[in-house]
N, C-alpha and C. Protein backbone atom coordinates (compact mmCIF):
# COMPACT_ATOMS: atom_id res chain seq x y z
N MET A 1 0.65 -1.21 -0.04
CA MET A 1 -0.23 0.00 0.38
C MET A 1 0.99 1.21 -0.14
N ASP A 2 0.67 2.22 -1.06
CA ASP A 2 1.10 3.48 -0.88
C ASP A 2 1.12 4.23 0.92
N THR A 3 2.21 4.90 1.12
CA THR A 3 2.11 5.43 2.67
C THR A 3 0.66 6.45 2.51
N LYS A 4 0.25 7.01 1.44
CA LYS A 4 -0.77 7.92 1.80
C LYS A 4 -2.51 7.56 1.67
N THR A 5 -2.39 6.34 1.65
CA THR A 5 -3.51 5.57 1.61
C THR A 5 -3.64 4.26 2.85
N ASN A 6 -4.71 3.35 2.94
CA ASN A 6 -4.30 2.14 3.37
C ASN A 6 -5.44 1.25 2.99
N GLU A 7 -5.31 0.39 3.84
CA GLU A 7 -6.07 -1.08 3.38
C GLU A 7 -7.65 -0.95 3.03
N ILE A 8 -8.17 -0.11 3.77
CA ILE A 8 -9.65 0.16 3.38
C ILE A 8 -9.85 0.15 1.82
N THR A 9 -9.30 1.48 1.61
CA THR A 9 -9.17 2.20 0.06
C THR A 9 -8.28 1.22 -0.89
N GLY A 10 -7.50 0.32 -0.44
CA GLY A 10 -7.23 -0.33 -1.68
C GLY A 10 -7.64 -1.66 -1.34
N PHE A 11 -8.81 -2.05 -0.76
CA PHE A 11 -9.60 -3.16 -0.86
C PHE A 11 -10.40 -3.43 -2.27
N ASP A 12 -10.63 -2.64 -2.80
CA ASP A 12 -11.57 -2.81 -4.46
C ASP A 12 -10.47 -2.51 -5.31
N VAL A 13 -9.50 -1.64 -5.09
CA VAL A 13 -8.33 -1.42 -6.05
C VAL A 13 -7.40 -2.78 -6.45
N LEU A 14 -7.37 -3.75 -5.36
CA LEU A 14 -7.02 -4.96 -5.21
C LEU A 14 -7.78 -6.15 -5.91
N LEU A 15 -9.03 -6.15 -5.56
CA LEU A 15 -10.14 -7.24 -6.03
C LEU A 15 -10.36 -6.84 -7.40
N ASP A 16 -10.22 -5.87 -8.12
CA ASP A 16 -10.53 -5.02 -9.49
C ASP A 16 -9.86 -6.18 -10.29
N HIS A 17 -8.46 -6.71 -9.54
CA HIS A 17 -7.76 -7.52 -10.99
C HIS A 17 -7.95 -8.51 -10.95
N ILE A 18 -8.90 -9.52 -10.00
CA ILE A 18 -9.75 -10.66 -10.66
C ILE A 18 -11.16 -10.40 -11.15
N SER A 19 -11.25 -10.96 -12.29
CA SER A 19 -12.11 -10.60 -13.46
C SER A 19 -13.55 -11.01 -12.79
N ASP A 20 -13.68 -12.34 -12.18
CA ASP A 20 -14.94 -12.70 -11.83
C ASP A 20 -14.69 -13.33 -10.55
N LEU A 21 -15.73 -12.33 -9.34
CA LEU A 21 -15.43 -13.00 -8.11
C LEU A 21 -16.72 -13.90 -7.78
N THR A 22 -17.85 -13.80 -8.74
CA THR A 22 -18.82 -14.75 -8.85
C THR A 22 -18.67 -15.92 -7.86
N GLY A 23 -19.56 -16.17 -6.67
CA GLY A 23 -19.36 -17.12 -6.01
C GLY A 23 -18.32 -17.32 -5.24
N VAL A 24 -17.15 -16.86 -5.52
CA VAL A 24 -16.21 -16.76 -4.41
C VAL A 24 -16.12 -16.37 -3.37
N VAL A 25 -15.67 -16.89 -2.02
CA VAL A 25 -15.48 -16.31 -0.32
C VAL A 25 -14.49 -15.80 -0.38
N VAL A 26 -14.59 -14.53 -0.10
CA VAL A 26 -13.87 -13.21 0.57
C VAL A 26 -13.36 -13.33 1.85
N THR A 27 -12.32 -13.62 2.62
CA THR A 27 -12.32 -13.43 4.05
C THR A 27 -11.73 -12.43 4.18
N ALA A 28 -12.02 -11.22 5.09
CA ALA A 28 -11.11 -9.94 5.63
C ALA A 28 -11.57 -9.81 7.14
N ASP A 29 -10.39 -9.21 7.90
CA ASP A 29 -10.34 -8.90 8.94
C ASP A 29 -11.25 -7.89 9.19
N ALA A 30 -11.77 -7.13 10.73
CA ALA A 30 -12.59 -6.56 11.12
C ALA A 30 -12.39 -4.96 10.44
N LEU A 31 -11.33 -4.66 10.33
CA LEU A 31 -10.78 -3.31 9.53
C LEU A 31 -11.80 -3.06 8.10
N HIS A 32 -12.29 -4.55 7.46
CA HIS A 32 -12.77 -4.51 6.59
C HIS A 32 -14.71 -4.60 6.45
N CYS A 33 -15.06 -4.47 7.83
CA CYS A 33 -16.45 -4.76 7.96
C CYS A 33 -16.87 -3.53 8.23
N GLN A 34 -16.86 -3.29 6.52
CA GLN A 34 -17.60 -2.21 6.01
C GLN A 34 -18.81 -2.03 5.12
N ARG A 35 -19.76 -1.37 5.60
CA ARG A 35 -21.03 -1.19 4.64
C ARG A 35 -20.58 -1.12 2.95
N GLU A 36 -19.64 -0.33 2.76
CA GLU A 36 -19.14 0.17 1.03
C GLU A 36 -18.31 -1.24 0.68
N GLN A 37 -17.65 -1.92 1.50
CA GLN A 37 -16.80 -2.89 0.92
C GLN A 37 -17.77 -4.07 1.01
N VAL A 38 -19.01 -4.39 1.99
CA VAL A 38 -19.73 -5.22 1.29
C VAL A 38 -20.65 -5.04 0.08
N ALA A 39 -21.00 -3.93 0.07
CA ALA A 39 -21.90 -3.69 -1.29
C ALA A 39 -21.41 -4.09 -2.25
N TYR A 40 -19.56 -3.51 -2.45
CA TYR A 40 -18.92 -3.62 -3.40
C TYR A 40 -18.75 -5.42 -3.60
N LEU A 41 -18.84 -6.57 -2.51
CA LEU A 41 -18.44 -7.62 -2.79
C LEU A 41 -19.72 -8.08 -3.43
N ALA A 42 -21.12 -7.49 -2.66
CA ALA A 42 -22.50 -8.38 -3.32
C ALA A 42 -22.49 -7.82 -4.75
N GLY A 43 -22.03 -6.88 -5.41
CA GLY A 43 -22.41 -6.09 -6.56
C GLY A 43 -21.33 -7.07 -7.31
N ARG A 44 -20.37 -7.49 -6.94
CA ARG A 44 -19.31 -8.60 -8.08
C ARG A 44 -19.89 -9.65 -7.72
N GLY A 45 -20.90 -9.90 -6.88
CA GLY A 45 -21.05 -11.58 -6.87
C GLY A 45 -20.79 -12.19 -5.68
N ALA A 46 -19.94 -11.72 -4.99
CA ALA A 46 -18.99 -12.51 -4.30
C ALA A 46 -19.91 -12.88 -3.11
N HIS A 47 -18.98 -13.80 -2.16
CA HIS A 47 -19.42 -14.35 -0.47
C HIS A 47 -18.51 -13.38 0.13
N TRP A 48 -19.00 -13.64 1.50
CA TRP A 48 -17.71 -12.96 2.46
C TRP A 48 -17.79 -13.55 3.71
N ILE A 49 -16.75 -13.28 4.15
CA ILE A 49 -16.55 -13.91 5.74
C ILE A 49 -15.75 -12.66 6.27
N LEU A 50 -16.43 -12.06 7.29
CA LEU A 50 -15.85 -10.86 8.08
C LEU A 50 -15.86 -11.16 9.28
N THR A 51 -14.79 -10.47 9.86
CA THR A 51 -14.48 -10.62 11.34
C THR A 51 -15.29 -9.18 11.92
N VAL A 52 -16.35 -9.28 13.02
CA VAL A 52 -17.19 -8.44 13.73
C VAL A 52 -16.50 -8.19 15.23
N LYS A 53 -16.10 -7.08 15.08
CA LYS A 53 -15.88 -7.22 16.69
C LYS A 53 -16.41 -5.53 17.18
N GLY A 54 -16.24 -5.15 18.18
CA GLY A 54 -16.79 -3.68 18.84
C GLY A 54 -16.44 -2.68 18.17
N ASN A 55 -15.72 -2.53 17.12
CA ASN A 55 -15.86 -1.38 15.88
C ASN A 55 -17.08 -1.09 15.34
N GLN A 56 -17.83 -2.29 15.05
CA GLN A 56 -19.56 -2.57 14.64
C GLN A 56 -20.27 -2.83 16.25
N PRO A 57 -20.14 -2.21 17.08
CA PRO A 57 -21.11 -2.06 18.12
C PRO A 57 -22.54 -2.61 17.90
N GLY A 58 -23.38 -2.02 16.99
CA GLY A 58 -24.56 -2.85 16.72
C GLY A 58 -25.03 -3.95 16.26
N LEU A 59 -23.89 -4.18 14.86
CA LEU A 59 -23.85 -5.47 14.36
C LEU A 59 -23.32 -6.25 15.49
N HIS A 60 -22.24 -6.03 16.08
CA HIS A 60 -21.76 -6.92 17.33
C HIS A 60 -22.97 -7.32 18.13
N GLN A 61 -23.57 -6.42 18.28
CA GLN A 61 -24.30 -6.68 19.79
C GLN A 61 -25.67 -8.03 19.04
N GLN A 62 -25.97 -7.93 18.14
CA GLN A 62 -27.16 -8.67 16.82
C GLN A 62 -26.46 -9.75 17.16
N LEU A 63 -25.23 -10.36 16.09
CA LEU A 63 -24.67 -11.34 15.95
C LEU A 63 -24.67 -12.21 17.53
N THR A 64 -24.30 -11.61 18.58
CA THR A 64 -23.76 -12.17 19.86
C THR A 64 -25.30 -12.45 20.52
N GLY A 65 -26.45 -11.98 19.84
CA GLY A 65 -27.62 -12.64 20.68
C GLY A 65 -28.34 -13.69 19.84
N LEU A 66 -27.56 -13.89 18.91
CA LEU A 66 -27.67 -15.18 18.03
C LEU A 66 -28.18 -16.69 18.50
N PRO A 67 -28.53 -17.35 18.34
CA PRO A 67 -28.42 -18.38 19.08
C PRO A 67 -27.46 -19.48 18.59
N TRP A 68 -25.91 -19.24 18.44
CA TRP A 68 -24.93 -19.81 18.29
C TRP A 68 -25.16 -21.29 18.77
N GLN A 69 -24.60 -22.36 17.83
CA GLN A 69 -24.00 -24.05 18.74
C GLN A 69 -22.84 -23.91 19.29
């Protein structure tokens, strides 16, 4: 990454080098748990696994309330 940017702004730039993400599972850490990045992945037909931490308190609370086995 260039020193004047970060991983968030480089996410779609990097994935744009892959011509077809349809059905591909993309994994990323909590830094990438952002609406814009999920919208980008959905628009490209990808699936995603993202880490959710306290940086997304509403989403984190919803997920911890689910009946996980």
